[in-house]
C-alpha atoms as a PDB file:
ATOM      1  CA  MET A   1      12.450  27.200 -43.897  1.00  0.00           C
ATOM      2  CA  SER A   2       9.086  28.586 -44.334  1.00  0.00           C
ATOM      3  CA  GLY A   3       8.499  32.268 -45.331  1.00  0.00           C
ATOM      4  CA  TRP A   4       6.182  32.519 -42.297  1.00  0.00           C
ATOM      5  CA  PHE A   5       8.869  31.450 -39.831  1.00  0.00           C
ATOM      6  CA  VAL A   6      11.534  33.654 -41.447  1.00  0.00           C
ATOM      7  CA  ALA A   7       9.209  36.742 -41.360  1.00  0.00           C
ATOM      8  CA  ARG A   8       8.931  36.332 -37.687  1.00  0.00           C
ATOM      9  CA  ILE A   9      12.630  36.652 -36.992  1.00  0.00           C
ATOM     10  CA  HIS A  10      13.329  40.373 -36.367  1.00  0.00           C
ATOM     11  CA  GLY A  11      16.421  41.613 -38.070  1.00  0.00           C
ATOM     12  CA  GLN A  12      17.043  38.379 -40.064  1.00  0.00           C
ATOM     13  CA  GLY A  13      16.055  36.610 -43.283  1.00  0.00           C
ATOM     14  CA  PRO A  14      14.716  37.623 -46.651  1.00  0.00           C
ATOM     15  CA  ALA A  15      12.025  39.896 -45.062  1.00  0.00           C
ATOM     16  CA  GLU A  16      14.793  42.462 -44.752  1.00  0.00           C
ATOM     17  CA  GLN A  17      15.163  42.461 -48.667  1.00  0.00           C
ATOM     18  CA  ILE A  18      11.573  43.097 -49.554  1.00  0.00           C
ATOM     19  CA  ASN A  19      10.930  46.586 -50.920  1.00  0.00           C
ATOM     20  CA  VAL A  20       7.383  47.103 -51.857  1.00  0.00           C
ATOM     21  CA  TYR A  21       7.768  50.786 -52.380  1.00  0.00           C
ATOM     22  CA  ASN A  22      10.335  53.049 -54.002  1.00  0.00           C
ATOM     23  CA  LEU A  23      11.494  55.038 -51.019  1.00  0.00           C
ATOM     24  CA  GLU A  24      13.788  57.245 -53.062  1.00  0.00           C
ATOM     25  CA  THR A  25      10.688  59.280 -53.966  1.00  0.00           C
ATOM     26  CA  ALA A  26       9.533  59.521 -50.255  1.00  0.00           C
ATOM     27  CA  VAL A  27      11.427  62.145 -48.604  1.00  0.00           C
ATOM     28  CA  ALA A  28      10.069  63.785 -45.399  1.00  0.00           C
ATOM     29  CA  PRO A  29       9.304  67.329 -46.050  1.00  0.00           C
ATOM     30  CA  HIS A  30      10.421  68.893 -42.762  1.00  0.00           C
ATOM     31  CA  VAL A  31       7.974  71.716 -43.178  1.00  0.00           C
ATOM     32  CA  TYR A  32       8.208  72.892 -39.533  1.00  0.00           C
ATOM     33  CA  ASN A  33      12.020  73.110 -39.162  1.00  0.00           C
ATOM     34  CA  ASN A  34      11.832  76.731 -38.074  1.00  0.00           C
ATOM     35  CA  ASP A  35       9.260  76.065 -35.414  1.00  0.00           C
ATOM     36  CA  ARG A  36       9.406  72.435 -34.369  1.00  0.00           C
ATOM     37  CA  ARG A  37       6.984  71.398 -31.562  1.00  0.00           C
ATOM     38  CA  TYR A  38       6.886  67.723 -30.586  1.00  0.00           C
ATOM     39  CA  ALA A  39       4.471  65.403 -28.941  1.00  0.00           C
ATOM     40  CA  VAL A  40       5.004  61.667 -28.215  1.00  0.00           C
ATOM     41  CA  LEU A  41       1.997  59.345 -28.838  1.00  0.00           C
ATOM     42  CA  VAL A  42       2.177  55.844 -27.510  1.00  0.00           C
ATOM     43  CA  VAL A  43      -0.239  53.502 -29.318  1.00  0.00           C
ATOM     44  CA  ASP A  44      -1.915  50.441 -27.659  1.00  0.00           C
ATOM     45  CA  MET A  45       0.889  49.355 -25.391  1.00  0.00           C
ATOM     46  CA  LEU A  46      -1.752  47.592 -23.349  1.00  0.00           C
ATOM     47  CA  HIS A  47      -1.823  44.420 -21.320  1.00  0.00           C
ATOM     48  CA  ASP A  48      -4.036  42.536 -23.969  1.00  0.00           C
ATOM     49  CA  PHE A  49      -1.810  43.716 -26.807  1.00  0.00           C
ATOM     50  CA  VAL A  50       1.445  42.745 -25.268  1.00  0.00           C
ATOM     51  CA  TYR A  51       0.738  39.938 -22.911  1.00  0.00           C
ATOM     52  CA  GLY A  52      -2.998  39.114 -23.193  1.00  0.00           C
ATOM     53  CA  LYS A  53      -5.718  38.169 -25.678  1.00  0.00           C
ATOM     54  CA  VAL A  54      -4.140  39.625 -28.902  1.00  0.00           C
ATOM     55  CA  LYS A  55      -0.582  39.444 -27.574  1.00  0.00           C
ATOM     56  CA  CYS A  56       2.348  40.359 -29.698  1.00  0.00           C
ATOM     57  CA  ASP A  57       5.579  38.610 -28.380  1.00  0.00           C
ATOM     58  CA  ARG A  58       7.571  40.953 -30.635  1.00  0.00           C
ATOM     59  CA  ALA A  59       6.428  43.861 -28.502  1.00  0.00           C
ATOM     60  CA  VAL A  60       8.330  42.726 -25.347  1.00  0.00           C
ATOM     61  CA  PRO A  61      11.894  43.529 -26.567  1.00  0.00           C
ATOM     62  CA  MET A  62      10.881  47.160 -27.489  1.00  0.00           C
ATOM     63  CA  ILE A  63       9.521  48.007 -24.049  1.00  0.00           C
ATOM     64  CA  PRO A  64      12.766  49.335 -22.618  1.00  0.00           C
ATOM     65  CA  ARG A  65      13.317  51.520 -25.700  1.00  0.00           C
ATOM     66  CA  SER A  66       9.831  52.757 -25.433  1.00  0.00           C
ATOM     67  CA  GLY A  67      10.393  53.610 -21.869  1.00  0.00           C
ATOM     68  CA  GLU A  68      13.599  55.474 -22.658  1.00  0.00           C
ATOM     69  CA  LEU A  69      11.852  57.445 -25.423  1.00  0.00           C
ATOM     70  CA  ILE A  70       8.972  58.457 -22.989  1.00  0.00           C
ATOM     71  CA  ASP A  71      11.314  59.425 -20.248  1.00  0.00           C
ATOM     72  CA  SER A  72      13.417  61.472 -22.591  1.00  0.00           C
ATOM     73  CA  ALA A  73      10.299  63.402 -23.701  1.00  0.00           C
ATOM     74  CA  ARG A  74       9.098  64.002 -20.165  1.00  0.00           C
ATOM     75  CA  GLY A  75      12.593  65.262 -19.169  1.00  0.00           C
ATOM     76  CA  ALA A  76      12.461  67.716 -22.178  1.00  0.00           C
ATOM     77  CA  GLY A  77       8.970  68.934 -21.445  1.00  0.00           C
ATOM     78  CA  VAL A  78       7.569  67.331 -24.502  1.00  0.00           C
ATOM     79  CA  PRO A  79       3.965  66.092 -24.097  1.00  0.00           C
ATOM     80  CA  VAL A  80       3.310  62.367 -23.781  1.00  0.00           C
ATOM     81  CA  LEU A  81      -0.116  60.931 -24.789  1.00  0.00           C
ATOM     82  CA  TYR A  82      -1.239  57.403 -24.830  1.00  0.00           C
ATOM     83  CA  SER A  83      -3.770  56.247 -27.260  1.00  0.00           C
ATOM     84  CA  ASN A  84      -5.462  53.083 -25.872  1.00  0.00           C
ATOM     85  CA  ASP A  85      -8.124  50.662 -27.283  1.00  0.00           C
ATOM     86  CA  SER A  86     -11.055  50.909 -24.890  1.00  0.00           C
ATOM     87  CA  HIS A  87     -13.940  48.481 -26.180  1.00  0.00           C
ATOM     88  CA  THR A  88     -17.462  47.749 -25.304  1.00  0.00           C
ATOM     89  CA  ARG A  89     -19.281  44.669 -26.828  1.00  0.00           C
ATOM     90  CA  LYS A  90     -21.146  47.064 -29.186  1.00  0.00           C
ATOM     91  CA  ASP A  91     -18.028  48.003 -31.072  1.00  0.00           C
ATOM     92  CA  PHE A  92     -17.792  46.798 -34.704  1.00  0.00           C
ATOM     93  CA  GLU A  93     -14.056  45.948 -34.280  1.00  0.00           C
ATOM     94  CA  ILE A  94     -15.030  43.172 -31.885  1.00  0.00           C
ATOM     95  CA  GLU A  95     -16.421  41.277 -34.839  1.00  0.00           C
ATOM     96  CA  ARG A  96     -12.852  41.106 -36.265  1.00  0.00           C
ATOM     97  CA  TRP A  97     -10.689  40.463 -33.210  1.00  0.00           C
ATOM     98  CA  GLY A  98     -13.125  39.240 -30.485  1.00  0.00           C
ATOM     99  CA  GLU A  99     -13.395  40.759 -27.181  1.00  0.00           C
ATOM    100  CA  HIS A 100     -10.013  42.514 -26.219  1.00  0.00           C
ATOM    101  CA  ALA A 101      -9.010  45.664 -24.334  1.00  0.00           C
ATOM    102  CA  MET A 102     -12.566  45.661 -22.796  1.00  0.00           C
ATOM    103  CA  ARG A 103     -13.223  48.996 -20.990  1.00  0.00           C
ATOM    104  CA  GLY A 104     -12.539  48.852 -17.323  1.00  0.00           C
ATOM    105  CA  THR A 105     -10.601  45.613 -17.473  1.00  0.00           C
ATOM    106  CA  LYS A 106      -6.859  44.910 -16.901  1.00  0.00           C
ATOM    107  CA  GLY A 107      -6.447  44.121 -20.548  1.00  0.00           C
ATOM    108  CA  ALA A 108      -7.262  47.750 -21.474  1.00  0.00           C
ATOM    109  CA  ARG A 109      -4.641  49.236 -19.189  1.00  0.00           C
ATOM    110  CA  VAL A 110      -1.239  50.380 -20.262  1.00  0.00           C
ATOM    111  CA  ILE A 111       1.435  47.803 -19.175  1.00  0.00           C
ATOM    112  CA  GLY A 112       3.161  48.495 -15.868  1.00  0.00           C
ATOM    113  CA  GLU A 113       6.551  49.012 -17.419  1.00  0.00           C
ATOM    114  CA  LEU A 114       5.222  52.107 -19.331  1.00  0.00           C
ATOM    115  CA  ARG A 115       2.722  53.321 -16.789  1.00  0.00           C
ATOM    116  CA  PRO A 116       1.479  56.899 -17.549  1.00  0.00           C
ATOM    117  CA  ARG A 117       2.202  59.683 -15.022  1.00  0.00           C
ATOM    118  CA  LYS A 118      -0.072  62.261 -13.807  1.00  0.00           C
ATOM    119  CA  LYS A 119       0.690  64.791 -16.487  1.00  0.00           C
ATOM    120  CA  ASP A 120       0.372  62.356 -19.156  1.00  0.00           C
ATOM    121  CA  VAL A 121      -2.904  62.232 -21.169  1.00  0.00           C
ATOM    122  CA  GLN A 122      -4.688  58.916 -21.999  1.00  0.00           C
ATOM    123  CA  ILE A 123      -7.045  58.858 -24.967  1.00  0.00           C
ATOM    124  CA  PRO A 124      -9.518  56.036 -25.228  1.00  0.00           C
ATOM    125  CA  LYS A 125     -10.286  54.756 -28.829  1.00  0.00           C
ATOM    126  CA  THR A 126     -12.680  52.231 -30.289  1.00  0.00           C
ATOM    127  CA  THR A 127     -10.871  51.507 -33.652  1.00  0.00           C
ATOM    128  CA  TYR A 128      -7.607  51.483 -35.405  1.00  0.00           C
ATOM    129  CA  SER A 129      -6.994  55.269 -35.655  1.00  0.00           C
ATOM    130  CA  SER A 130      -6.085  57.337 -32.622  1.00  0.00           C
ATOM    131  CA  PHE A 131      -7.894  60.206 -34.082  1.00  0.00           C
ATOM    132  CA  PHE A 132     -11.158  58.795 -35.115  1.00  0.00           C
ATOM    133  CA  ASN A 133     -14.037  59.756 -32.750  1.00  0.00           C
ATOM    134  CA  THR A 134     -11.612  60.596 -30.123  1.00  0.00           C
ATOM    135  CA  ARG A 135     -10.510  63.641 -28.167  1.00  0.00           C
ATOM    136  CA  LEU A 136      -6.926  63.287 -29.427  1.00  0.00           C
ATOM    137  CA  GLU A 137      -6.755  66.372 -31.540  1.00  0.00           C
ATOM    138  CA  ARG A 138      -8.392  68.564 -28.852  1.00  0.00           C
ATOM    139  CA  GLU A 139      -5.920  67.402 -26.266  1.00  0.00           C
ATOM    140  CA  LEU A 140      -2.974  67.935 -28.647  1.00  0.00           C
ATOM    141  CA  LYS A 141      -4.020  71.635 -29.244  1.00  0.00           C
ATOM    142  CA  ARG A 142      -3.872  72.321 -25.399  1.00  0.00           C
ATOM    143  CA  THR A 143      -0.118  71.538 -25.442  1.00  0.00           C
ATOM    144  CA  HIS A 144       2.665  74.107 -26.200  1.00  0.00           C
ATOM    145  CA  ASP A 145       0.826  76.984 -24.691  1.00  0.00           C
ATOM    146  CA  GLY A 146      -2.294  76.402 -26.852  1.00  0.00           C
ATOM    147  CA  LYS A 147      -0.398  76.276 -30.122  1.00  0.00           C
ATOM    148  CA  GLY A 148      -0.372  72.434 -30.106  1.00  0.00           C
ATOM    149  CA  PRO A 149       2.461  70.217 -31.734  1.00  0.00           C
ATOM    150  CA  ASN A 150       3.243  70.112 -35.419  1.00  0.00           C
ATOM    151  CA  THR A 151       5.239  66.916 -35.216  1.00  0.00           C
ATOM    152  CA  LEU A 152       4.062  63.651 -33.677  1.00  0.00           C
ATOM    153  CA  ILE A 153       6.447  60.954 -32.588  1.00  0.00           C
ATOM    154  CA  ILE A 154       4.588  57.689 -32.647  1.00  0.00           C
ATOM    155  CA  SER A 155       5.478  54.480 -31.006  1.00  0.00           C
ATOM    156  CA  GLY A 156       3.538  51.313 -30.110  1.00  0.00           C
ATOM    157  CA  LEU A 157       1.483  48.549 -32.021  1.00  0.00           C
ATOM    158  CA  HIS A 158       0.915  47.735 -34.732  1.00  0.00           C
ATOM    159  CA  THR A 159       3.108  49.185 -37.515  1.00  0.00           C
ATOM    160  CA  ASP A 160       0.662  48.101 -40.190  1.00  0.00           C
ATOM    161  CA  CYS A 161      -2.546  48.678 -38.355  1.00  0.00           C
ATOM    162  CA  CYS A 162      -3.137  51.272 -35.529  1.00  0.00           C
ATOM    163  CA  VAL A 163       0.154  52.955 -36.068  1.00  0.00           C
ATOM    164  CA  ARG A 164      -0.504  53.205 -39.737  1.00  0.00           C
ATOM    165  CA  HIS A 165      -4.049  54.482 -39.485  1.00  0.00           C
ATOM    166  CA  THR A 166      -2.971  56.965 -36.758  1.00  0.00           C
ATOM    167  CA  THR A 167      -0.202  58.159 -39.088  1.00  0.00           C
ATOM    168  CA  ALA A 168      -2.681  58.598 -41.990  1.00  0.00           C
ATOM    169  CA  ASP A 169      -5.010  60.779 -39.907  1.00  0.00           C
ATOM    170  CA  ALA A 170      -2.002  62.792 -38.624  1.00  0.00           C
ATOM    171  CA  PHE A 171      -0.966  63.325 -42.129  1.00  0.00           C
ATOM    172  CA  PHE A 172      -4.491  64.446 -43.320  1.00  0.00           C
ATOM    173  CA  ARG A 173      -4.352  66.999 -40.390  1.00  0.00           C
ATOM    174  CA  GLY A 174      -1.172  68.477 -41.524  1.00  0.00           C
ATOM    175  CA  TYR A 175       1.073  66.926 -38.824  1.00  0.00           C
ATOM    176  CA  GLU A 176       4.562  65.613 -39.732  1.00  0.00           C
ATOM    177  CA  THR A 177       5.275  62.377 -38.240  1.00  0.00           C
ATOM    178  CA  ILE A 178       8.409  60.501 -36.917  1.00  0.00           C
ATOM    179  CA  ILE A 179       8.178  56.722 -36.438  1.00  0.00           C
ATOM    180  CA  ALA A 180      10.215  55.319 -33.605  1.00  0.00           C
ATOM    181  CA  GLU A 181      11.428  52.384 -35.739  1.00  0.00           C
ATOM    182  CA  ASP A 182      12.769  50.349 -32.824  1.00  0.00           C
ATOM    183  CA  ALA A 183       9.625  51.171 -30.545  1.00  0.00           C
ATOM    184  CA  VAL A 184       7.018  49.998 -33.008  1.00  0.00           C
ATOM    185  CA  ASN A 185       6.315  46.439 -34.153  1.00  0.00           C
ATOM    186  CA  SER A 186       3.826  43.993 -35.592  1.00  0.00           C
ATOM    187  CA  PHE A 187       3.070  40.326 -35.489  1.00  0.00           C
ATOM    188  CA  THR A 188       5.690  39.426 -38.100  1.00  0.00           C
ATOM    189  CA  GLU A 189       8.837  40.694 -39.413  1.00  0.00           C
ATOM    190  CA  LEU A 190       7.214  41.123 -42.960  1.00  0.00           C
ATOM    191  CA  GLN A 191       4.361  43.125 -41.405  1.00  0.00           C
ATOM    192  CA  TYR A 192       6.694  45.303 -39.568  1.00  0.00           C
ATOM    193  CA  ARG A 193       9.028  46.179 -42.439  1.00  0.00           C
ATOM    194  CA  THR A 194       6.268  46.677 -45.108  1.00  0.00           C
ATOM    195  CA  GLY A 195       4.322  48.639 -42.488  1.00  0.00           C
ATOM    196  CA  LEU A 196       7.227  51.088 -42.179  1.00  0.00           C
ATOM    197  CA  GLN A 197       7.796  51.360 -45.878  1.00  0.00           C
ATOM    198  CA  TYR A 198       4.005  52.236 -46.286  1.00  0.00           C
ATOM    199  CA  LEU A 199       4.303  55.033 -43.762  1.00  0.00           C
ATOM    200  CA  LYS A 200       7.413  56.486 -45.391  1.00  0.00           C
ATOM    201  CA  PHE A 201       6.047  56.179 -48.879  1.00  0.00           C
ATOM    202  CA  TRP A 202       2.458  57.449 -48.525  1.00  0.00           C
ATOM    203  CA  TYR A 203       2.726  59.715 -45.456  1.00  0.00           C
ATOM    204  CA  LEU A 204       6.484  60.924 -45.868  1.00  0.00           C
ATOM    205  CA  ALA A 205       7.119  59.830 -42.312  1.00  0.00           C
ATOM    206  CA  ASP A 206      10.613  59.835 -40.742  1.00  0.00           C
ATOM    207  CA  THR A 207      11.699  56.527 -39.379  1.00  0.00           C
ATOM    208  CA  LEU A 208      14.468  57.024 -36.696  1.00  0.00           C
ATOM    209  CA  PRO A 209      15.749  54.846 -33.690  1.00  0.00           C
ATOM    210  CA  THR A 210      14.649  56.226 -30.333  1.00  0.00           C
ATOM    211  CA  LYS A 211      18.240  57.278 -29.405  1.00  0.00           C
ATOM    212  CA  LYS A 212      18.247  59.701 -32.355  1.00  0.00           C
ATOM    213  CA  ILE A 213      14.672  60.994 -31.611  1.00  0.00           C
ATOM    214  CA  SER A 214      15.670  61.680 -27.997  1.00  0.00           C
ATOM    215  CA  LYS A 215      18.480  63.964 -29.292  1.00  0.00           C
ATOM    216  CA  LEU A 216      15.847  66.062 -31.104  1.00  0.00           C
ATOM    217  CA  PHE A 217      14.264  67.346 -27.810  1.00  0.00           C
END
């Protein structure tokens, strides 16, 4: 059985055994325990990413868990924001992936199962990070009566790309991060698992299942 095939099987095979980083040295600091303010950020759960031009079949099983997390946040008054690729032909990223999530098309819309509500905020982006050249931080600072969140709960695609770069920029800005481990994914199991390890090691992210995250609200 090829390594490529095994790596695509979620929860099975030797990809589970690969530890690229020593995670014993990576403990989330929990700096804000005395004043925890959350926001949920849903990254690139768009038609083209789930079903379309750059589809990820592994995203489909996590849709119900993503929905439960979003609903729990809304019910607790936790802000929900969506960070969405929204491209034009001039964007440099098109040279890597070809045309996808083109602005104004169905491919750039959040999938129907996770459709944003009126109070939710949608942030268009043109590259991997949800913060780079976007209004995300400005919108975050409007929440929690103008104090903004200090902890971002991140779900979506891909663990080793847009989730990774978004988490990096959150870390640089002093946010703590929680990765919804069963509501993020990547093209392969190996990418998914090493992606999570990277986030824990370098950015001290907590990785928790959505059910545990919902109990934090």
